[in-house]
Amino acid sequence: MQFQIVGKNQLPEITNGFTDIFLFLFEPSDFLKAGVEKVYNSKLQQVDDFLWKITKPN
């Protein structure tokens, strides 16, 4: 398990080999949503009130 603290308007650094990536945040910014989609070709899926998962399309 690995943790990262990421500042506002920054993307988390995702290295190869990780499969389940979760973000703990109140509400994702438009910057974060767009960055995850563009840079990682993924989407954010809300799991719980403050828990989000980065998911790859099938």
Protein backbone atom coordinates (compact mmCIF):
# COMPACT_ATOMS: atom_id res chain seq x y z
CA MET A 1 0.00 0.00 0.00
CA GLN A 2 1.26 3.48 -0.88
CA PHE A 3 -0.06 6.94 0.00
CA GLN A 4 0.44 10.30 -1.70
CA ILE A 5 -0.50 13.80 -0.66
CA VAL A 6 -1.31 15.88 -3.71
CA GLY A 7 -1.80 19.65 -3.76
CA LYS A 8 -4.68 21.47 -5.38
CA ASN A 9 -4.53 21.41 -9.19
CA GLN A 10 -2.00 18.57 -9.20
CA LEU A 11 -2.49 15.03 -10.46
CA PRO A 12 -1.49 12.01 -8.41
CA GLU A 13 1.54 10.17 -9.74
CA ILE A 14 0.45 6.72 -10.87
CA THR A 15 3.22 4.26 -11.59
CA ASN A 16 2.96 1.09 -13.65
CA GLY A 17 1.83 -1.99 -11.79
CA PHE A 18 -0.83 -0.42 -9.61
CA THR A 19 -4.32 -1.74 -10.25
CA ASP A 20 -6.60 -0.34 -7.52
CA ILE A 21 -6.13 3.40 -7.03
CA PHE A 22 -8.34 5.34 -4.62
CA LEU A 23 -8.58 9.04 -3.87
CA PHE A 24 -9.89 10.50 -0.63
CA LEU A 25 -11.46 13.89 -1.37
CA PHE A 26 -14.59 15.92 -0.80
CA GLU A 27 -15.32 16.73 -4.42
CA PRO A 28 -12.94 16.30 -7.37
CA SER A 29 -12.08 19.49 -9.22
CA ASP A 30 -12.64 19.86 -12.95
CA PHE A 31 -8.84 19.94 -13.27
CA LEU A 32 -8.53 16.54 -11.58
CA LYS A 33 -11.34 14.96 -13.61
CA ALA A 34 -9.95 16.25 -16.92
CA GLY A 35 -6.37 15.32 -16.00
CA VAL A 36 -7.26 11.76 -15.00
CA GLU A 37 -9.19 11.32 -18.25
CA LYS A 38 -6.50 12.83 -20.48
CA VAL A 39 -3.24 11.73 -18.83
CA TYR A 40 -4.29 8.31 -17.52
CA ASN A 41 -7.13 7.49 -19.95
CA SER A 42 -9.33 6.75 -16.94
CA LYS A 43 -12.39 8.02 -15.09
CA LEU A 44 -13.24 8.82 -11.48
CA GLN A 45 -15.94 6.65 -9.92
CA GLN A 46 -17.46 7.65 -6.58
CA VAL A 47 -17.34 4.76 -4.10
CA ASP A 48 -18.51 6.50 -0.92
CA ASP A 49 -19.03 10.06 0.35
CA PHE A 50 -15.32 10.94 0.16
CA LEU A 51 -13.80 7.90 -1.55
CA TRP A 52 -13.22 7.85 -5.31
CA LYS A 53 -11.64 5.17 -7.50
CA ILE A 54 -9.70 5.70 -10.71
CA THR A 55 -11.09 3.22 -13.22
CA LYS A 56 -9.92 2.27 -16.69
CA PRO A 57 -12.48 1.74 -19.45
CA ASN A 58 -13.08 -1.88 -20.48
